[in-house]
Amino acid sequence: MNINESVNLVTLVDNNGNTTGYADKIEAHLRGDLHLAFSLMIIRRQGDYVEYLLQRRAADKYHSGGLWANTCCSHPLPRETVKDAARRRVAEELGIKAKLSLSIIGQICYRHSLDNNMIEHEFDNIVVAEVDNIEWRQNPDEVMEVRWWTEHEIIKTLKYNPKVFTTWFEEVFTYIRDDRSLSIPKL
């Protein structure tokens, strides 16, 4: 299978993340198949607080268009590592080609109903990169807007206007915020 044949495939997995096969990305989302994914969050420390680089998905994405999400989220191609997939997609979506030091800090599994009769059922690898600063150039086919959010802004928005975020965002954000290895100060 070459890269062009695998571009629209997702890796199907069991509840432990073991590969069980492959499926067309759209079909997997329509059926709600459990599949491999990653959520990348780029963070930076600003004195005694942390900022999170979030993207607002392009309005015409196949699901969750116009909603805010973590820096980048997607699916590894068949036989592609999670870290390689994260590097590939953050370059495609945000034009970030800087050599990021990526850490996979864990996995979460969720199932959410989405717009367009789709279901997001993912075994999601949580990937974090810490930077001092970074430049980006968003791909308008993928992303409407990109900006740094403080933890306080995210928590307040999740409380008072959670519908501006994707259905999986709160779980990803909470996992990262609570991860002891990152030593993120709590508000």
C-alpha atoms as a PDB file:
ATOM      1  CA  MET A   1       0.000   0.000   0.000  1.00  0.00           C
ATOM      2  CA  ASN A   2       1.477   3.358  -0.978  1.00  0.00           C
ATOM      3  CA  ILE A   3       0.915   6.722   0.745  1.00  0.00           C
ATOM      4  CA  ASN A   4      -1.794   7.799  -1.732  1.00  0.00           C
ATOM      5  CA  GLU A   5      -3.808   4.637  -1.101  1.00  0.00           C
ATOM      6  CA  SER A   6      -3.572   4.999   2.683  1.00  0.00           C
ATOM      7  CA  VAL A   7      -4.349   8.727   3.007  1.00  0.00           C
ATOM      8  CA  ASN A   8      -8.068   8.182   3.639  1.00  0.00           C
ATOM      9  CA  LEU A   9      -7.671   5.140   5.869  1.00  0.00           C
ATOM     10  CA  VAL A  10      -7.795   4.980   9.652  1.00  0.00           C
ATOM     11  CA  THR A  11      -6.388   2.195  11.768  1.00  0.00           C
ATOM     12  CA  LEU A  12      -9.099   0.242  13.565  1.00  0.00           C
ATOM     13  CA  VAL A  13      -8.145  -0.875  17.069  1.00  0.00           C
ATOM     14  CA  ASP A  14      -9.496  -2.828  20.009  1.00  0.00           C
ATOM     15  CA  ASN A  15      -9.976  -1.308  23.488  1.00  0.00           C
ATOM     16  CA  ASN A  16      -6.259  -1.819  24.213  1.00  0.00           C
ATOM     17  CA  GLY A  17      -5.095   0.008  21.072  1.00  0.00           C
ATOM     18  CA  ASN A  18      -4.132  -3.147  19.158  1.00  0.00           C
ATOM     19  CA  THR A  19      -4.626  -2.921  15.388  1.00  0.00           C
ATOM     20  CA  THR A  20      -7.574  -4.954  14.101  1.00  0.00           C
ATOM     21  CA  GLY A  21      -7.687  -3.619  10.532  1.00  0.00           C
ATOM     22  CA  TYR A  22      -8.190  -0.502   8.438  1.00  0.00           C
ATOM     23  CA  ALA A  23     -11.234   1.387   7.198  1.00  0.00           C
ATOM     24  CA  ASP A  24     -12.103   4.414   5.100  1.00  0.00           C
ATOM     25  CA  LYS A  25     -11.982   7.471   7.384  1.00  0.00           C
ATOM     26  CA  ILE A  26     -15.484   8.727   6.582  1.00  0.00           C
ATOM     27  CA  GLU A  27     -17.038   5.253   6.816  1.00  0.00           C
ATOM     28  CA  ALA A  28     -15.362   4.666  10.188  1.00  0.00           C
ATOM     29  CA  HIS A  29     -16.825   7.931  11.481  1.00  0.00           C
ATOM     30  CA  LEU A  30     -20.297   7.132  10.130  1.00  0.00           C
ATOM     31  CA  ARG A  31     -20.294   3.663  11.744  1.00  0.00           C
ATOM     32  CA  GLY A  32     -18.567   4.769  14.945  1.00  0.00           C
ATOM     33  CA  ASP A  33     -15.673   2.317  14.580  1.00  0.00           C
ATOM     34  CA  LEU A  34     -13.018   2.554  17.291  1.00  0.00           C
ATOM     35  CA  HIS A  35      -9.908   3.879  15.568  1.00  0.00           C
ATOM     36  CA  LEU A  36      -6.451   5.202  16.361  1.00  0.00           C
ATOM     37  CA  ALA A  37      -5.993   8.951  16.728  1.00  0.00           C
ATOM     38  CA  PHE A  38      -3.744  11.542  18.313  1.00  0.00           C
ATOM     39  CA  SER A  39      -4.317  14.926  19.899  1.00  0.00           C
ATOM     40  CA  LEU A  40      -1.295  17.223  19.897  1.00  0.00           C
ATOM     41  CA  MET A  41      -1.149  20.174  22.263  1.00  0.00           C
ATOM     42  CA  ILE A  42       1.646  22.710  22.026  1.00  0.00           C
ATOM     43  CA  ILE A  43       2.141  24.560  25.303  1.00  0.00           C
ATOM     44  CA  ARG A  44       4.368  27.351  26.538  1.00  0.00           C
ATOM     45  CA  ARG A  45       5.083  28.585  30.037  1.00  0.00           C
ATOM     46  CA  GLN A  46       4.598  32.278  30.711  1.00  0.00           C
ATOM     47  CA  GLY A  47       5.887  32.988  34.211  1.00  0.00           C
ATOM     48  CA  ASP A  48       3.621  31.122  36.620  1.00  0.00           C
ATOM     49  CA  TYR A  49       1.016  30.016  34.065  1.00  0.00           C
ATOM     50  CA  VAL A  50       0.774  27.934  30.921  1.00  0.00           C
ATOM     51  CA  GLU A  51      -0.693  28.855  27.541  1.00  0.00           C
ATOM     52  CA  TYR A  52      -2.141  26.362  25.072  1.00  0.00           C
ATOM     53  CA  LEU A  53      -1.967  26.812  21.304  1.00  0.00           C
ATOM     54  CA  LEU A  54      -5.466  26.071  19.994  1.00  0.00           C
ATOM     55  CA  GLN A  55      -6.861  25.975  16.486  1.00  0.00           C
ATOM     56  CA  ARG A  56     -10.348  26.715  15.243  1.00  0.00           C
ATOM     57  CA  ARG A  57     -11.214  24.096  12.653  1.00  0.00           C
ATOM     58  CA  ALA A  58     -12.121  25.256   9.145  1.00  0.00           C
ATOM     59  CA  ALA A  59     -15.870  25.706   8.725  1.00  0.00           C
ATOM     60  CA  ASP A  60     -16.124  23.089   5.971  1.00  0.00           C
ATOM     61  CA  LYS A  61     -14.268  20.252   7.723  1.00  0.00           C
ATOM     62  CA  TYR A  62     -16.112  16.929   7.462  1.00  0.00           C
ATOM     63  CA  HIS A  63     -17.121  17.284  11.114  1.00  0.00           C
ATOM     64  CA  SER A  64     -16.826  19.822  13.934  1.00  0.00           C
ATOM     65  CA  GLY A  65     -16.211  22.719  11.537  1.00  0.00           C
ATOM     66  CA  GLY A  66     -15.766  26.131  13.138  1.00  0.00           C
ATOM     67  CA  LEU A  67     -15.077  24.708  16.600  1.00  0.00           C
ATOM     68  CA  TRP A  68     -11.967  25.213  18.715  1.00  0.00           C
ATOM     69  CA  ALA A  69      -9.740  22.198  19.343  1.00  0.00           C
ATOM     70  CA  ASN A  70      -6.257  21.378  20.559  1.00  0.00           C
ATOM     71  CA  THR A  71      -3.281  22.401  18.403  1.00  0.00           C
ATOM     72  CA  CYS A  72      -3.703  19.501  15.999  1.00  0.00           C
ATOM     73  CA  CYS A  73      -5.617  16.237  15.994  1.00  0.00           C
ATOM     74  CA  SER A  74      -5.818  13.548  13.373  1.00  0.00           C
ATOM     75  CA  HIS A  75      -5.131   9.908  12.585  1.00  0.00           C
ATOM     76  CA  PRO A  76      -1.871   8.115  11.855  1.00  0.00           C
ATOM     77  CA  LEU A  77      -1.715   6.579   8.407  1.00  0.00           C
ATOM     78  CA  PRO A  78      -1.434   2.777   8.344  1.00  0.00           C
ATOM     79  CA  ARG A  79       1.950   1.804   9.790  1.00  0.00           C
ATOM     80  CA  GLU A  80       2.854   5.439  10.602  1.00  0.00           C
ATOM     81  CA  THR A  81       3.946   6.180  14.176  1.00  0.00           C
ATOM     82  CA  VAL A  82       1.890   8.571  16.292  1.00  0.00           C
ATOM     83  CA  LYS A  83       4.793  11.025  16.561  1.00  0.00           C
ATOM     84  CA  ASP A  84       5.424  10.964  12.800  1.00  0.00           C
ATOM     85  CA  ALA A  85       1.705  11.533  12.196  1.00  0.00           C
ATOM     86  CA  ALA A  86       1.663  14.467  14.618  1.00  0.00           C
ATOM     87  CA  ARG A  87       4.652  16.056  12.877  1.00  0.00           C
ATOM     88  CA  ARG A  88       3.106  15.488   9.437  1.00  0.00           C
ATOM     89  CA  ARG A  89      -0.301  16.915  10.337  1.00  0.00           C
ATOM     90  CA  VAL A  90       0.925  19.945  12.307  1.00  0.00           C
ATOM     91  CA  ALA A  91       3.001  20.845   9.235  1.00  0.00           C
ATOM     92  CA  GLU A  92       0.006  20.328   6.905  1.00  0.00           C
ATOM     93  CA  GLU A  93      -2.497  22.198   9.091  1.00  0.00           C
ATOM     94  CA  LEU A  94      -0.387  24.926  10.694  1.00  0.00           C
ATOM     95  CA  GLY A  95       2.758  25.045   8.590  1.00  0.00           C
ATOM     96  CA  ILE A  96       4.840  24.215  11.682  1.00  0.00           C
ATOM     97  CA  LYS A  97       7.998  22.536  10.492  1.00  0.00           C
ATOM     98  CA  ALA A  98      10.134  23.259  13.557  1.00  0.00           C
ATOM     99  CA  LYS A  99      11.629  20.162  15.164  1.00  0.00           C
ATOM    100  CA  LEU A 100       9.216  19.646  18.065  1.00  0.00           C
ATOM    101  CA  SER A 101      10.166  17.479  21.005  1.00  0.00           C
ATOM    102  CA  LEU A 102       7.007  15.368  21.267  1.00  0.00           C
ATOM    103  CA  SER A 103       5.967  13.364  24.329  1.00  0.00           C
ATOM    104  CA  ILE A 104       3.123  10.865  24.324  1.00  0.00           C
ATOM    105  CA  ILE A 105       1.795  11.257  27.865  1.00  0.00           C
ATOM    106  CA  GLY A 106      -1.024   8.710  27.673  1.00  0.00           C
ATOM    107  CA  GLN A 107      -4.147   7.567  25.903  1.00  0.00           C
ATOM    108  CA  ILE A 108      -7.855   8.160  26.368  1.00  0.00           C
ATOM    109  CA  CYS A 109     -10.806   6.496  24.704  1.00  0.00           C
ATOM    110  CA  TYR A 110     -14.069   8.286  23.964  1.00  0.00           C
ATOM    111  CA  ARG A 111     -17.192   8.080  21.867  1.00  0.00           C
ATOM    112  CA  HIS A 112     -19.099  11.234  20.897  1.00  0.00           C
ATOM    113  CA  SER A 113     -21.914  11.949  18.476  1.00  0.00           C
ATOM    114  CA  LEU A 114     -20.972  14.667  16.006  1.00  0.00           C
ATOM    115  CA  ASP A 115     -22.596  16.758  13.314  1.00  0.00           C
ATOM    116  CA  ASN A 116     -23.139  15.249   9.845  1.00  0.00           C
ATOM    117  CA  ASN A 117     -24.340  11.956  11.450  1.00  0.00           C
ATOM    118  CA  MET A 118     -20.793  11.071  12.433  1.00  0.00           C
ATOM    119  CA  ILE A 119     -19.435   9.425  15.564  1.00  0.00           C
ATOM    120  CA  GLU A 120     -15.995  10.155  16.971  1.00  0.00           C
ATOM    121  CA  HIS A 121     -14.925   6.882  18.620  1.00  0.00           C
ATOM    122  CA  GLU A 122     -11.219   7.140  19.189  1.00  0.00           C
ATOM    123  CA  PHE A 123      -8.338   5.542  20.997  1.00  0.00           C
ATOM    124  CA  ASP A 124      -6.585   8.899  21.306  1.00  0.00           C
ATOM    125  CA  ASN A 125      -2.870   9.280  22.024  1.00  0.00           C
ATOM    126  CA  ILE A 126      -2.268  12.515  23.947  1.00  0.00           C
ATOM    127  CA  VAL A 127       0.860  14.213  22.595  1.00  0.00           C
ATOM    128  CA  VAL A 128       2.458  17.318  24.090  1.00  0.00           C
ATOM    129  CA  ALA A 129       5.227  19.615  22.875  1.00  0.00           C
ATOM    130  CA  GLU A 130       6.539  22.435  25.022  1.00  0.00           C
ATOM    131  CA  VAL A 131       8.004  25.482  23.272  1.00  0.00           C
ATOM    132  CA  ASP A 132       9.244  28.931  24.214  1.00  0.00           C
ATOM    133  CA  ASN A 133       7.548  30.333  21.127  1.00  0.00           C
ATOM    134  CA  ILE A 134       6.649  29.116  17.674  1.00  0.00           C
ATOM    135  CA  GLU A 135       5.550  30.524  14.340  1.00  0.00           C
ATOM    136  CA  TRP A 136       2.706  29.109  12.282  1.00  0.00           C
ATOM    137  CA  ARG A 137       0.945  29.720   8.996  1.00  0.00           C
ATOM    138  CA  GLN A 138      -2.451  28.078   9.006  1.00  0.00           C
ATOM    139  CA  ASN A 139      -3.775  26.184   6.020  1.00  0.00           C
ATOM    140  CA  PRO A 140      -7.221  27.754   5.329  1.00  0.00           C
ATOM    141  CA  ASP A 141      -8.545  24.396   4.095  1.00  0.00           C
ATOM    142  CA  GLU A 142      -7.920  23.007   7.583  1.00  0.00           C
ATOM    143  CA  VAL A 143      -7.920  25.905  10.055  1.00  0.00           C
ATOM    144  CA  MET A 144      -9.835  29.188  10.486  1.00  0.00           C
ATOM    145  CA  GLU A 145      -7.885  30.670  13.354  1.00  0.00           C
ATOM    146  CA  VAL A 146      -4.989  29.894  15.696  1.00  0.00           C
ATOM    147  CA  ARG A 147      -4.112  31.567  18.963  1.00  0.00           C
ATOM    148  CA  TRP A 148      -2.648  31.089  22.407  1.00  0.00           C
ATOM    149  CA  TRP A 149      -5.230  30.572  25.186  1.00  0.00           C
ATOM    150  CA  THR A 150      -4.473  30.836  28.889  1.00  0.00           C
ATOM    151  CA  GLU A 151      -5.672  28.051  31.135  1.00  0.00           C
ATOM    152  CA  HIS A 152      -8.023  30.544  32.794  1.00  0.00           C
ATOM    153  CA  GLU A 153      -9.610  31.461  29.426  1.00  0.00           C
ATOM    154  CA  ILE A 154     -10.130  27.797  28.569  1.00  0.00           C
ATOM    155  CA  ILE A 155     -11.666  26.906  31.939  1.00  0.00           C
ATOM    156  CA  LYS A 156     -13.984  29.929  31.848  1.00  0.00           C
ATOM    157  CA  THR A 157     -15.074  29.181  28.275  1.00  0.00           C
ATOM    158  CA  LEU A 158     -15.646  25.491  29.071  1.00  0.00           C
ATOM    159  CA  LYS A 159     -17.877  26.566  31.958  1.00  0.00           C
ATOM    160  CA  TYR A 160     -19.895  29.301  30.224  1.00  0.00           C
ATOM    161  CA  ASN A 161     -19.704  28.514  26.502  1.00  0.00           C
ATOM    162  CA  PRO A 162     -18.533  24.904  26.032  1.00  0.00           C
ATOM    163  CA  LYS A 163     -20.162  24.550  22.610  1.00  0.00           C
ATOM    164  CA  VAL A 164     -17.324  26.583  21.021  1.00  0.00           C
ATOM    165  CA  PHE A 165     -15.050  23.545  21.563  1.00  0.00           C
ATOM    166  CA  THR A 166     -15.043  20.140  19.881  1.00  0.00           C
ATOM    167  CA  THR A 167     -16.670  17.328  21.835  1.00  0.00           C
ATOM    168  CA  TRP A 168     -13.306  15.753  22.709  1.00  0.00           C
ATOM    169  CA  PHE A 169     -11.472  18.938  23.659  1.00  0.00           C
ATOM    170  CA  GLU A 170     -12.356  19.046  27.363  1.00  0.00           C
ATOM    171  CA  GLU A 171     -11.142  15.470  27.901  1.00  0.00           C
ATOM    172  CA  VAL A 172      -7.855  16.163  26.119  1.00  0.00           C
ATOM    173  CA  PHE A 173      -7.310  19.470  27.938  1.00  0.00           C
ATOM    174  CA  THR A 174      -8.111  17.952  31.341  1.00  0.00           C
ATOM    175  CA  TYR A 175      -5.789  15.013  30.739  1.00  0.00           C
ATOM    176  CA  ILE A 176      -2.911  17.332  29.836  1.00  0.00           C
ATOM    177  CA  ARG A 177      -3.620  19.751  32.666  1.00  0.00           C
ATOM    178  CA  ASP A 178      -3.717  16.934  35.232  1.00  0.00           C
ATOM    179  CA  ASP A 179      -0.641  15.076  33.966  1.00  0.00           C
ATOM    180  CA  ARG A 180       1.940  15.157  36.754  1.00  0.00           C
ATOM    181  CA  SER A 181       4.914  14.725  34.411  1.00  0.00           C
ATOM    182  CA  LEU A 182       4.294  18.181  32.924  1.00  0.00           C
ATOM    183  CA  SER A 183       4.174  19.980  36.292  1.00  0.00           C
ATOM    184  CA  ILE A 184       1.570  22.458  35.086  1.00  0.00           C
ATOM    185  CA  PRO A 185       0.653  24.831  37.941  1.00  0.00           C
ATOM    186  CA  LYS A 186      -3.038  24.689  38.895  1.00  0.00           C
ATOM    187  CA  LEU A 187      -5.196  27.783  39.051  1.00  0.00           C
END
